[in-house]
Amino acid sequence: MELFRSHCYSIYCNSLWSRYKVATMNRLKVCHNDILKRLLRLPRWCSSSLAFAMNGVNNLDVIRRHFVFSLRSRVELSTNSIITSVRQSSAYVCGPIQQRWLGLLFVQNVG
């Protein structure tokens, strides 16, 4: 599990991803799930959620939420004048990155 954590948790700059297709993200999730199953020598058809839970590792959605929350918190608390200017701009408030962040952090239950 240490191998999985050290190599599959390090998805650099994923908190800045804003332009991608849902299908692309789904393919990345499948790859992430398959890597864990291969390391555990589990069949490809077994439950990924169960494999993650039983081994105490985070799935891709949790990893991404963690990185987004961490970056967003640092941006919101920063006293740096450049970051403050960007944070107060409409590009930041209404831009695609902020929309993705809110979508990841505040998952809405529909139905």
PDB file of N, CA and C in Angstrom:
ATOM      1  N   MET A   1       0.822  -1.191   0.000  1.00  0.00           N
ATOM      2  CA  MET A   1       0.000   0.000   0.000  1.00  0.00           C
ATOM      3  C   MET A   1       0.869   1.259   0.000  1.00  0.00           C
ATOM      4  N   GLU A   2       2.054   1.136   0.564  1.00  0.00           N
ATOM      5  CA  GLU A   2       2.960   2.286   0.548  1.00  0.00           C
ATOM      6  C   GLU A   2       3.377   2.626  -0.879  1.00  0.00           C
ATOM      7  N   LEU A   3       3.588   1.604  -1.690  1.00  0.00           N
ATOM      8  CA  LEU A   3       3.910   1.809  -3.106  1.00  0.00           C
ATOM      9  C   LEU A   3       2.770   2.540  -3.811  1.00  0.00           C
ATOM     10  N   PHE A   4       1.546   2.113  -3.555  1.00  0.00           N
ATOM     11  CA  PHE A   4       0.385   2.757  -4.176  1.00  0.00           C
ATOM     12  C   PHE A   4       0.272   4.213  -3.726  1.00  0.00           C
ATOM     13  N   ARG A   5       0.401   4.440  -2.413  1.00  0.00           N
ATOM     14  CA  ARG A   5       0.302   5.816  -1.896  1.00  0.00           C
ATOM     15  C   ARG A   5       1.392   6.718  -2.475  1.00  0.00           C
ATOM     16  N   SER A   6       2.610   6.222  -2.528  1.00  0.00           N
ATOM     17  CA  SER A   6       3.716   7.082  -2.980  1.00  0.00           C
ATOM     18  C   SER A   6       3.653   7.395  -4.472  1.00  0.00           C
ATOM     19  N   HIS A   7       3.109   6.487  -5.271  1.00  0.00           N
ATOM     20  CA  HIS A   7       3.090   6.722  -6.716  1.00  0.00           C
ATOM     21  C   HIS A   7       1.733   7.173  -7.250  1.00  0.00           C
ATOM     22  N   CYS A   8       0.664   6.783  -6.613  1.00  0.00           N
ATOM     23  CA  CYS A   8      -0.663   7.082  -7.166  1.00  0.00           C
ATOM     24  C   CYS A   8      -1.383   8.213  -6.446  1.00  0.00           C
ATOM     25  N   TYR A   9      -0.811   8.725  -5.365  1.00  0.00           N
ATOM     26  CA  TYR A   9      -1.385   9.895  -4.714  1.00  0.00           C
ATOM     27  C   TYR A   9      -0.774  11.171  -5.291  1.00  0.00           C
ATOM     28  N   SER A  10       0.373  11.064  -5.910  1.00  0.00           N
ATOM     29  CA  SER A  10       1.101  12.228  -6.424  1.00  0.00           C
ATOM     30  C   SER A  10       0.637  12.588  -7.826  1.00  0.00           C
ATOM     31  N   ILE A  11      -0.513  13.197  -7.907  1.00  0.00           N
ATOM     32  CA  ILE A  11      -1.051  13.635  -9.197  1.00  0.00           C
ATOM     33  C   ILE A  11      -0.868  15.148  -9.224  1.00  0.00           C
ATOM     34  N   TYR A  12       0.323  15.554  -9.625  1.00  0.00           N
ATOM     35  CA  TYR A  12       0.738  16.941  -9.503  1.00  0.00           C
ATOM     36  C   TYR A  12      -0.167  17.894 -10.274  1.00  0.00           C
ATOM     37  N   CYS A  13      -0.489  18.987  -9.632  1.00  0.00           N
ATOM     38  CA  CYS A  13      -1.278  20.084 -10.192  1.00  0.00           C
ATOM     39  C   CYS A  13      -2.709  19.679 -10.539  1.00  0.00           C
ATOM     40  N   ASN A  14      -3.201  18.556 -10.026  1.00  0.00           N
ATOM     41  CA  ASN A  14      -4.565  18.152 -10.379  1.00  0.00           C
ATOM     42  C   ASN A  14      -5.598  19.139  -9.875  1.00  0.00           C
ATOM     43  N   SER A  15      -5.271  19.922  -8.859  1.00  0.00           N
ATOM     44  CA  SER A  15      -6.222  20.915  -8.369  1.00  0.00           C
ATOM     45  C   SER A  15      -6.409  22.065  -9.360  1.00  0.00           C
ATOM     46  N   LEU A  16      -5.528  22.173 -10.331  1.00  0.00           N
ATOM     47  CA  LEU A  16      -5.653  23.221 -11.349  1.00  0.00           C
ATOM     48  C   LEU A  16      -6.315  22.723 -12.630  1.00  0.00           C
ATOM     49  N   TRP A  17      -6.640  21.448 -12.681  1.00  0.00           N
ATOM     50  CA  TRP A  17      -7.302  20.924 -13.871  1.00  0.00           C
ATOM     51  C   TRP A  17      -8.701  21.516 -13.948  1.00  0.00           C
ATOM     52  N   SER A  18      -9.011  22.143 -15.059  1.00  0.00           N
ATOM     53  CA  SER A  18     -10.360  22.694 -15.216  1.00  0.00           C
ATOM     54  C   SER A  18     -10.969  22.353 -16.568  1.00  0.00           C
ATOM     55  N   ARG A  19     -10.140  22.027 -17.522  1.00  0.00           N
ATOM     56  CA  ARG A  19     -10.656  21.729 -18.864  1.00  0.00           C
ATOM     57  C   ARG A  19     -10.351  20.291 -19.230  1.00  0.00           C
ATOM     58  N   TYR A  20     -11.310  19.455 -18.972  1.00  0.00           N
ATOM     59  CA  TYR A  20     -11.188  18.054 -19.340  1.00  0.00           C
ATOM     60  C   TYR A  20     -12.586  17.501 -19.553  1.00  0.00           C
ATOM     61  N   LYS A  21     -12.648  16.444 -20.315  1.00  0.00           N
ATOM     62  CA  LYS A  21     -13.935  15.804 -20.557  1.00  0.00           C
ATOM     63  C   LYS A  21     -14.209  14.809 -19.435  1.00  0.00           C
ATOM     64  N   VAL A  22     -15.471  14.629 -19.117  1.00  0.00           N
ATOM     65  CA  VAL A  22     -15.868  13.673 -18.084  1.00  0.00           C
ATOM     66  C   VAL A  22     -15.370  12.279 -18.450  1.00  0.00           C
ATOM     67  N   ALA A  23     -15.430  11.940 -19.728  1.00  0.00           N
ATOM     68  CA  ALA A  23     -14.961  10.626 -20.180  1.00  0.00           C
ATOM     69  C   ALA A  23     -13.471  10.446 -19.897  1.00  0.00           C
ATOM     70  N   THR A  24     -12.688  11.494 -20.048  1.00  0.00           N
ATOM     71  CA  THR A  24     -11.256  11.430 -19.770  1.00  0.00           C
ATOM     72  C   THR A  24     -11.019  11.162 -18.291  1.00  0.00           C
ATOM     73  N   MET A  25     -11.755  11.859 -17.429  1.00  0.00           N
ATOM     74  CA  MET A  25     -11.607  11.648 -15.991  1.00  0.00           C
ATOM     75  C   MET A  25     -12.056  10.233 -15.609  1.00  0.00           C
ATOM     76  N   ASN A  26     -13.102   9.748 -16.241  1.00  0.00           N
ATOM     77  CA  ASN A  26     -13.556   8.385 -15.957  1.00  0.00           C
ATOM     78  C   ASN A  26     -12.501   7.350 -16.344  1.00  0.00           C
ATOM     79  N   ARG A  27     -11.811   7.571 -17.459  1.00  0.00           N
ATOM     80  CA  ARG A  27     -10.739   6.655 -17.868  1.00  0.00           C
ATOM     81  C   ARG A  27      -9.584   6.686 -16.860  1.00  0.00           C
ATOM     82  N   LEU A  28      -9.279   7.884 -16.359  1.00  0.00           N
ATOM     83  CA  LEU A  28      -8.225   8.008 -15.349  1.00  0.00           C
ATOM     84  C   LEU A  28      -8.614   7.255 -14.071  1.00  0.00           C
ATOM     85  N   LYS A  29      -9.891   7.357 -13.674  1.00  0.00           N
ATOM     86  CA  LYS A  29     -10.371   6.634 -12.481  1.00  0.00           C
ATOM     87  C   LYS A  29     -10.259   5.122 -12.676  1.00  0.00           C
ATOM     88  N   VAL A  30     -10.612   4.648 -13.851  1.00  0.00           N
ATOM     89  CA  VAL A  30     -10.520   3.210 -14.140  1.00  0.00           C
ATOM     90  C   VAL A  30      -9.066   2.758 -14.037  1.00  0.00           C
ATOM     91  N   CYS A  31      -8.148   3.535 -14.583  1.00  0.00           N
ATOM     92  CA  CYS A  31      -6.718   3.196 -14.501  1.00  0.00           C
ATOM     93  C   CYS A  31      -6.258   3.172 -13.044  1.00  0.00           C
ATOM     94  N   HIS A  32      -6.666   4.161 -12.286  1.00  0.00           N
ATOM     95  CA  HIS A  32      -6.308   4.253 -10.869  1.00  0.00           C
ATOM     96  C   HIS A  32      -6.823   3.028 -10.116  1.00  0.00           C
ATOM     97  N   ASN A  33      -8.066   2.658 -10.379  1.00  0.00           N
ATOM     98  CA  ASN A  33      -8.656   1.479  -9.738  1.00  0.00           C
ATOM     99  C   ASN A  33      -7.921   0.202 -10.146  1.00  0.00           C
ATOM    100  N   ASP A  34      -7.609   0.088 -11.427  1.00  0.00           N
ATOM    101  CA  ASP A  34      -6.930  -1.107 -11.939  1.00  0.00           C
ATOM    102  C   ASP A  34      -5.538  -1.272 -11.337  1.00  0.00           C
ATOM    103  N   ILE A  35      -4.839  -0.163 -11.119  1.00  0.00           N
ATOM    104  CA  ILE A  35      -3.501  -0.242 -10.516  1.00  0.00           C
ATOM    105  C   ILE A  35      -3.592  -0.868  -9.126  1.00  0.00           C
ATOM    106  N   LEU A  36      -4.562  -0.400  -8.324  1.00  0.00           N
ATOM    107  CA  LEU A  36      -4.717  -0.966  -6.981  1.00  0.00           C
ATOM    108  C   LEU A  36      -5.033  -2.459  -7.053  1.00  0.00           C
ATOM    109  N   LYS A  37      -5.934  -2.827  -7.937  1.00  0.00           N
ATOM    110  CA  LYS A  37      -6.311  -4.236  -8.047  1.00  0.00           C
ATOM    111  C   LYS A  37      -5.138  -5.102  -8.487  1.00  0.00           C
ATOM    112  N   ARG A  38      -4.319  -4.589  -9.384  1.00  0.00           N
ATOM    113  CA  ARG A  38      -3.147  -5.359  -9.829  1.00  0.00           C
ATOM    114  C   ARG A  38      -2.145  -5.536  -8.695  1.00  0.00           C
ATOM    115  N   LEU A  39      -1.934  -4.465  -7.914  1.00  0.00           N
ATOM    116  CA  LEU A  39      -1.013  -4.574  -6.783  1.00  0.00           C
ATOM    117  C   LEU A  39      -1.507  -5.581  -5.754  1.00  0.00           C
ATOM    118  N   LEU A  40      -2.822  -5.662  -5.596  1.00  0.00           N
ATOM    119  CA  LEU A  40      -3.414  -6.594  -4.635  1.00  0.00           C
ATOM    120  C   LEU A  40      -3.695  -7.968  -5.235  1.00  0.00           C
ATOM    121  N   ARG A  41      -3.411  -8.106  -6.528  1.00  0.00           N
ATOM    122  CA  ARG A  41      -3.678  -9.347  -7.264  1.00  0.00           C
ATOM    123  C   ARG A  41      -5.157  -9.742  -7.181  1.00  0.00           C
ATOM    124  N   LEU A  42      -6.003  -8.745  -7.351  1.00  0.00           N
ATOM    125  CA  LEU A  42      -7.451  -8.964  -7.366  1.00  0.00           C
ATOM    126  C   LEU A  42      -7.931  -9.014  -8.811  1.00  0.00           C
ATOM    127  N   PRO A  43      -8.998  -9.747  -9.080  1.00  0.00           N
ATOM    128  CA  PRO A  43      -9.541  -9.746 -10.446  1.00  0.00           C
ATOM    129  C   PRO A  43     -10.070  -8.365 -10.815  1.00  0.00           C
ATOM    130  N   ARG A  44     -10.006  -8.057 -12.077  1.00  0.00           N
ATOM    131  CA  ARG A  44     -10.400  -6.735 -12.561  1.00  0.00           C
ATOM    132  C   ARG A  44     -11.872  -6.429 -12.283  1.00  0.00           C
ATOM    133  N   TRP A  45     -12.707  -7.446 -12.207  1.00  0.00           N
ATOM    134  CA  TRP A  45     -14.147  -7.257 -12.032  1.00  0.00           C
ATOM    135  C   TRP A  45     -14.570  -7.048 -10.578  1.00  0.00           C
ATOM    136  N   CYS A  46     -13.661  -7.198  -9.614  1.00  0.00           N
ATOM    137  CA  CYS A  46     -14.053  -7.054  -8.209  1.00  0.00           C
ATOM    138  C   CYS A  46     -14.274  -5.580  -7.865  1.00  0.00           C
ATOM    139  N   SER A  47     -14.931  -5.331  -6.752  1.00  0.00           N
ATOM    140  CA  SER A  47     -15.307  -3.983  -6.337  1.00  0.00           C
ATOM    141  C   SER A  47     -14.092  -3.127  -5.987  1.00  0.00           C
ATOM    142  N   SER A  48     -13.966  -2.012  -6.679  1.00  0.00           N
ATOM    143  CA  SER A  48     -12.880  -1.077  -6.379  1.00  0.00           C
ATOM    144  C   SER A  48     -13.112  -0.405  -5.035  1.00  0.00           C
ATOM    145  N   SER A  49     -14.343  -0.020  -4.769  1.00  0.00           N
ATOM    146  CA  SER A  49     -14.660   0.660  -3.504  1.00  0.00           C
ATOM    147  C   SER A  49     -14.269  -0.199  -2.316  1.00  0.00           C
ATOM    148  N   LEU A  50     -14.580  -1.471  -2.382  1.00  0.00           N
ATOM    149  CA  LEU A  50     -14.243  -2.388  -1.304  1.00  0.00           C
ATOM    150  C   LEU A  50     -12.724  -2.532  -1.166  1.00  0.00           C
ATOM    151  N   ALA A  51     -12.027  -2.621  -2.282  1.00  0.00           N
ATOM    152  CA  ALA A  51     -10.567  -2.748  -2.254  1.00  0.00           C
ATOM    153  C   ALA A  51      -9.929  -1.519  -1.610  1.00  0.00           C
ATOM    154  N   PHE A  52     -10.412  -0.327  -1.950  1.00  0.00           N
ATOM    155  CA  PHE A  52      -9.880   0.896  -1.350  1.00  0.00           C
ATOM    156  C   PHE A  52     -10.175   0.928   0.145  1.00  0.00           C
ATOM    157  N   ALA A  53     -11.409   0.633   0.519  1.00  0.00           N
ATOM    158  CA  ALA A  53     -11.815   0.693   1.922  1.00  0.00           C
ATOM    159  C   ALA A  53     -11.068  -0.325   2.780  1.00  0.00           C
ATOM    160  N   MET A  54     -10.963  -1.543   2.304  1.00  0.00           N
ATOM    161  CA  MET A  54     -10.327  -2.599   3.098  1.00  0.00           C
ATOM    162  C   MET A  54      -8.826  -2.386   3.277  1.00  0.00           C
ATOM    163  N   ASN A  55      -8.225  -1.609   2.385  1.00  0.00           N
ATOM    164  CA  ASN A  55      -6.779  -1.396   2.459  1.00  0.00           C
ATOM    165  C   ASN A  55      -6.400  -0.008   2.944  1.00  0.00           C
ATOM    166  N   GLY A  56      -7.395   0.785   3.317  1.00  0.00           N
ATOM    167  CA  GLY A  56      -7.128   2.091   3.909  1.00  0.00           C
ATOM    168  C   GLY A  56      -6.448   3.081   2.987  1.00  0.00           C
ATOM    169  N   VAL A  57      -6.768   3.021   1.700  1.00  0.00           N
ATOM    170  CA  VAL A  57      -6.210   3.988   0.757  1.00  0.00           C
ATOM    171  C   VAL A  57      -7.347   4.785   0.126  1.00  0.00           C
ATOM    172  N   ASN A  58      -7.009   5.960  -0.333  1.00  0.00           N
ATOM    173  CA  ASN A  58      -8.010   6.856  -0.913  1.00  0.00           C
ATOM    174  C   ASN A  58      -8.186   6.595  -2.402  1.00  0.00           C
ATOM    175  N   ASN A  59      -9.433   6.759  -2.859  1.00  0.00           N
ATOM    176  CA  ASN A  59      -9.677   6.661  -4.296  1.00  0.00           C
ATOM    177  C   ASN A  59      -9.360   8.004  -4.950  1.00  0.00           C
ATOM    178  N   LEU A  60      -9.449   8.060  -6.251  1.00  0.00           N
ATOM    179  CA  LEU A  60      -9.048   9.257  -6.988  1.00  0.00           C
ATOM    180  C   LEU A  60      -9.887  10.479  -6.609  1.00  0.00           C
ATOM    181  N   ASP A  61     -11.181  10.304  -6.376  1.00  0.00           N
ATOM    182  CA  ASP A  61     -12.023  11.438  -6.006  1.00  0.00           C
ATOM    183  C   ASP A  61     -11.588  12.054  -4.677  1.00  0.00           C
ATOM    184  N   VAL A  62     -11.265  11.216  -3.717  1.00  0.00           N
ATOM    185  CA  VAL A  62     -10.820  11.708  -2.411  1.00  0.00           C
ATOM    186  C   VAL A  62      -9.478  12.422  -2.537  1.00  0.00           C
ATOM    187  N   ILE A  63      -8.575  11.856  -3.301  1.00  0.00           N
ATOM    188  CA  ILE A  63      -7.262  12.480  -3.516  1.00  0.00           C
ATOM    189  C   ILE A  63      -7.435  13.860  -4.143  1.00  0.00           C
ATOM    190  N   ARG A  64      -8.265  13.944  -5.166  1.00  0.00           N
ATOM    191  CA  ARG A  64      -8.476  15.231  -5.847  1.00  0.00           C
ATOM    192  C   ARG A  64      -9.123  16.243  -4.909  1.00  0.00           C
ATOM    193  N   ARG A  65     -10.133  15.822  -4.129  1.00  0.00           N
ATOM    194  CA  ARG A  65     -10.770  16.750  -3.173  1.00  0.00           C
ATOM    195  C   ARG A  65      -9.766  17.266  -2.159  1.00  0.00           C
ATOM    196  N   HIS A  66      -8.880  16.395  -1.699  1.00  0.00           N
ATOM    197  CA  HIS A  66      -7.867  16.811  -0.731  1.00  0.00           C
ATOM    198  C   HIS A  66      -6.963  17.900  -1.315  1.00  0.00           C
ATOM    199  N   PHE A  67      -6.455  17.670  -2.534  1.00  0.00           N
ATOM    200  CA  PHE A  67      -5.574  18.650  -3.158  1.00  0.00           C
ATOM    201  C   PHE A  67      -6.299  19.962  -3.447  1.00  0.00           C
ATOM    202  N   VAL A  68      -7.544  19.882  -3.896  1.00  0.00           N
ATOM    203  CA  VAL A  68      -8.322  21.089  -4.180  1.00  0.00           C
ATOM    204  C   VAL A  68      -8.567  21.872  -2.890  1.00  0.00           C
ATOM    205  N   PHE A  69      -8.974  21.185  -1.842  1.00  0.00           N
ATOM    206  CA  PHE A  69      -9.238  21.851  -0.571  1.00  0.00           C
ATOM    207  C   PHE A  69      -7.970  22.519  -0.035  1.00  0.00           C
ATOM    208  N   SER A  70      -6.859  21.818  -0.137  1.00  0.00           N
ATOM    209  CA  SER A  70      -5.586  22.344   0.339  1.00  0.00           C
ATOM    210  C   SER A  70      -5.179  23.617  -0.419  1.00  0.00           C
ATOM    211  N   LEU A  71      -5.226  23.573  -1.751  1.00  0.00           N
ATOM    212  CA  LEU A  71      -4.850  24.744  -2.546  1.00  0.00           C
ATOM    213  C   LEU A  71      -5.823  25.894  -2.329  1.00  0.00           C
ATOM    214  N   ARG A  72      -7.106  25.591  -2.349  1.00  0.00           N
ATOM    215  CA  ARG A  72      -8.121  26.643  -2.173  1.00  0.00           C
ATOM    216  C   ARG A  72      -7.978  27.308  -0.811  1.00  0.00           C
ATOM    217  N   SER A  73      -7.708  26.548   0.215  1.00  0.00           N
ATOM    218  CA  SER A  73      -7.513  27.101   1.556  1.00  0.00           C
ATOM    219  C   SER A  73      -6.305  28.032   1.594  1.00  0.00           C
ATOM    220  N   ARG A  74      -5.218  27.608   0.959  1.00  0.00           N
ATOM    221  CA  ARG A  74      -4.022  28.458   0.934  1.00  0.00           C
ATOM    222  C   ARG A  74      -4.278  29.747   0.166  1.00  0.00           C
ATOM    223  N   VAL A  75      -5.013  29.663  -0.942  1.00  0.00           N
ATOM    224  CA  VAL A  75      -5.337  30.861  -1.724  1.00  0.00           C
ATOM    225  C   VAL A  75      -6.219  31.798  -0.906  1.00  0.00           C
ATOM    226  N   GLU A  76      -7.232  31.266  -0.267  1.00  0.00           N
ATOM    227  CA  GLU A  76      -8.171  32.093   0.507  1.00  0.00           C
ATOM    228  C   GLU A  76      -7.507  32.753   1.711  1.00  0.00           C
ATOM    229  N   LEU A  77      -6.517  32.112   2.309  1.00  0.00           N
ATOM    230  CA  LEU A  77      -5.864  32.647   3.511  1.00  0.00           C
ATOM    231  C   LEU A  77      -4.612  33.469   3.216  1.00  0.00           C
ATOM    232  N   SER A  78      -4.191  33.499   1.972  1.00  0.00           N
ATOM    233  CA  SER A  78      -2.954  34.187   1.615  1.00  0.00           C
ATOM    234  C   SER A  78      -3.077  35.697   1.796  1.00  0.00           C
ATOM    235  N   THR A  79      -1.997  36.285   2.281  1.00  0.00           N
ATOM    236  CA  THR A  79      -1.929  37.747   2.412  1.00  0.00           C
ATOM    237  C   THR A  79      -1.037  38.349   1.320  1.00  0.00           C
ATOM    238  N   ASN A  80      -0.523  37.524   0.436  1.00  0.00           N
ATOM    239  CA  ASN A  80       0.305  37.992  -0.662  1.00  0.00           C
ATOM    240  C   ASN A  80      -0.532  38.907  -1.559  1.00  0.00           C
ATOM    241  N   SER A  81       0.005  40.070  -1.913  1.00  0.00           N
ATOM    242  CA  SER A  81      -0.761  41.061  -2.679  1.00  0.00           C
ATOM    243  C   SER A  81      -1.156  40.552  -4.075  1.00  0.00           C
ATOM    244  N   ILE A  82      -0.292  39.786  -4.713  1.00  0.00           N
ATOM    245  CA  ILE A  82      -0.610  39.259  -6.046  1.00  0.00           C
ATOM    246  C   ILE A  82      -1.738  38.236  -5.944  1.00  0.00           C
ATOM    247  N   ILE A  83      -1.625  37.327  -5.000  1.00  0.00           N
ATOM    248  CA  ILE A  83      -2.670  36.305  -4.829  1.00  0.00           C
ATOM    249  C   ILE A  83      -3.980  36.957  -4.408  1.00  0.00           C
ATOM    250  N   THR A  84      -3.917  37.980  -3.570  1.00  0.00           N
ATOM    251  CA  THR A  84      -5.126  38.699  -3.156  1.00  0.00           C
ATOM    252  C   THR A  84      -5.795  39.356  -4.355  1.00  0.00           C
ATOM    253  N   SER A  85      -5.008  39.952  -5.247  1.00  0.00           N
ATOM    254  CA  SER A  85      -5.567  40.574  -6.455  1.00  0.00           C
ATOM    255  C   SER A  85      -6.252  39.537  -7.341  1.00  0.00           C
ATOM    256  N   VAL A  86      -5.587  38.421  -7.533  1.00  0.00           N
ATOM    257  CA  VAL A  86      -6.178  37.359  -8.354  1.00  0.00           C
ATOM    258  C   VAL A  86      -7.449  36.842  -7.691  1.00  0.00           C
ATOM    259  N   ARG A  87      -7.408  36.622  -6.381  1.00  0.00           N
ATOM    260  CA  ARG A  87      -8.550  36.082  -5.641  1.00  0.00           C
ATOM    261  C   ARG A  87      -9.767  37.004  -5.738  1.00  0.00           C
ATOM    262  N   GLN A  88      -9.541  38.300  -5.838  1.00  0.00           N
ATOM    263  CA  GLN A  88     -10.635  39.270  -5.905  1.00  0.00           C
ATOM    264  C   GLN A  88     -11.112  39.541  -7.333  1.00  0.00           C
ATOM    265  N   SER A  89     -10.444  38.954  -8.309  1.00  0.00           N
ATOM    266  CA  SER A  89     -10.824  39.185  -9.705  1.00  0.00           C
ATOM    267  C   SER A  89     -12.014  38.315 -10.088  1.00  0.00           C
ATOM    268  N   SER A  90     -12.751  38.780 -11.089  1.00  0.00           N
ATOM    269  CA  SER A  90     -13.893  38.004 -11.569  1.00  0.00           C
ATOM    270  C   SER A  90     -13.431  36.714 -12.248  1.00  0.00           C
ATOM    271  N   ALA A  91     -12.218  36.724 -12.798  1.00  0.00           N
ATOM    272  CA  ALA A  91     -11.679  35.513 -13.433  1.00  0.00           C
ATOM    273  C   ALA A  91     -11.529  34.396 -12.404  1.00  0.00           C
ATOM    274  N   TYR A  92     -11.174  34.748 -11.187  1.00  0.00           N
ATOM    275  CA  TYR A  92     -11.045  33.743 -10.130  1.00  0.00           C
ATOM    276  C   TYR A  92     -12.417  33.356  -9.586  1.00  0.00           C
ATOM    277  N   VAL A  93     -13.231  34.344  -9.295  1.00  0.00           N
ATOM    278  CA  VAL A  93     -14.527  34.099  -8.659  1.00  0.00           C
ATOM    279  C   VAL A  93     -15.465  33.309  -9.568  1.00  0.00           C
ATOM    280  N   CYS A  94     -15.475  33.643 -10.861  1.00  0.00           N
ATOM    281  CA  CYS A  94     -16.418  33.010 -11.792  1.00  0.00           C
ATOM    282  C   CYS A  94     -15.751  32.091 -12.808  1.00  0.00           C
ATOM    283  N   GLY A  95     -14.466  31.891 -12.700  1.00  0.00           N
ATOM    284  CA  GLY A  95     -13.725  31.135 -13.700  1.00  0.00           C
ATOM    285  C   GLY A  95     -13.925  29.631 -13.620  1.00  0.00           C
ATOM    286  N   PRO A  96     -13.387  28.930 -14.622  1.00  0.00           N
ATOM    287  CA  PRO A  96     -13.582  27.483 -14.702  1.00  0.00           C
ATOM    288  C   PRO A  96     -12.926  26.703 -13.559  1.00  0.00           C
ATOM    289  N   ILE A  97     -11.798  27.188 -13.051  1.00  0.00           N
ATOM    290  CA  ILE A  97     -11.148  26.468 -11.957  1.00  0.00           C
ATOM    291  C   ILE A  97     -12.017  26.533 -10.705  1.00  0.00           C
ATOM    292  N   GLN A  98     -12.536  27.709 -10.401  1.00  0.00           N
ATOM    293  CA  GLN A  98     -13.406  27.858  -9.225  1.00  0.00           C
ATOM    294  C   GLN A  98     -14.660  26.988  -9.360  1.00  0.00           C
ATOM    295  N   GLN A  99     -15.204  26.915 -10.567  1.00  0.00           N
ATOM    296  CA  GLN A  99     -16.390  26.085 -10.792  1.00  0.00           C
ATOM    297  C   GLN A  99     -16.075  24.606 -10.552  1.00  0.00           C
ATOM    298  N   ARG A 100     -14.919  24.143 -11.032  1.00  0.00           N
ATOM    299  CA  ARG A 100     -14.518  22.751 -10.801  1.00  0.00           C
ATOM    300  C   ARG A 100     -14.287  22.498  -9.318  1.00  0.00           C
ATOM    301  N   TRP A 101     -13.640  23.461  -8.653  1.00  0.00           N
ATOM    302  CA  TRP A 101     -13.385  23.315  -7.218  1.00  0.00           C
ATOM    303  C   TRP A 101     -14.694  23.166  -6.455  1.00  0.00           C
ATOM    304  N   LEU A 102     -15.637  24.032  -6.731  1.00  0.00           N
ATOM    305  CA  LEU A 102     -16.911  23.967  -6.021  1.00  0.00           C
ATOM    306  C   LEU A 102     -17.640  22.665  -6.335  1.00  0.00           C
ATOM    307  N   GLY A 103     -17.543  22.213  -7.577  1.00  0.00           N
ATOM    308  CA  GLY A 103     -18.162  20.947  -7.951  1.00  0.00           C
ATOM    309  C   GLY A 103     -17.545  19.757  -7.233  1.00  0.00           C
ATOM    310  N   LEU A 104     -16.246  19.813  -6.992  1.00  0.00           N
ATOM    311  CA  LEU A 104     -15.577  18.720  -6.284  1.00  0.00           C
ATOM    312  C   LEU A 104     -15.816  18.771  -4.780  1.00  0.00           C
ATOM    313  N   LEU A 105     -15.794  19.983  -4.229  1.00  0.00           N
ATOM    314  CA  LEU A 105     -15.887  20.125  -2.773  1.00  0.00           C
ATOM    315  C   LEU A 105     -17.308  20.014  -2.257  1.00  0.00           C
ATOM    316  N   PHE A 106     -18.265  20.454  -3.053  1.00  0.00           N
ATOM    317  CA  PHE A 106     -19.642  20.464  -2.596  1.00  0.00           C
ATOM    318  C   PHE A 106     -20.495  19.608  -3.538  1.00  0.00           C
ATOM    319  N   VAL A 107     -20.361  18.320  -3.371  1.00  0.00           N
ATOM    320  CA  VAL A 107     -21.093  17.367  -4.206  1.00  0.00           C
ATOM    321  C   VAL A 107     -22.569  17.449  -3.840  1.00  0.00           C
ATOM    322  N   GLN A 108     -23.396  17.658  -4.851  1.00  0.00           N
ATOM    323  CA  GLN A 108     -24.827  17.773  -4.618  1.00  0.00           C
ATOM    324  C   GLN A 108     -25.514  16.453  -4.907  1.00  0.00           C
ATOM    325  N   ASN A 109     -26.379  16.048  -4.001  1.00  0.00           N
ATOM    326  CA  ASN A 109     -27.185  14.862  -4.216  1.00  0.00           C
ATOM    327  C   ASN A 109     -28.405  15.248  -5.028  1.00  0.00           C
ATOM    328  N   VAL A 110     -28.517  14.676  -6.194  1.00  0.00           N
ATOM    329  CA  VAL A 110     -29.639  14.971  -7.079  1.00  0.00           C
ATOM    330  C   VAL A 110     -30.638  13.819  -6.983  1.00  0.00           C
ATOM    331  N   GLY A 111     -31.885  14.171  -6.727  1.00  0.00           N
ATOM    332  CA  GLY A 111     -32.911  13.124  -6.697  1.00  0.00           C
ATOM    333  C   GLY A 111     -33.504  12.871  -5.369  1.00  0.00           C
TER     334      GLY A 111
END
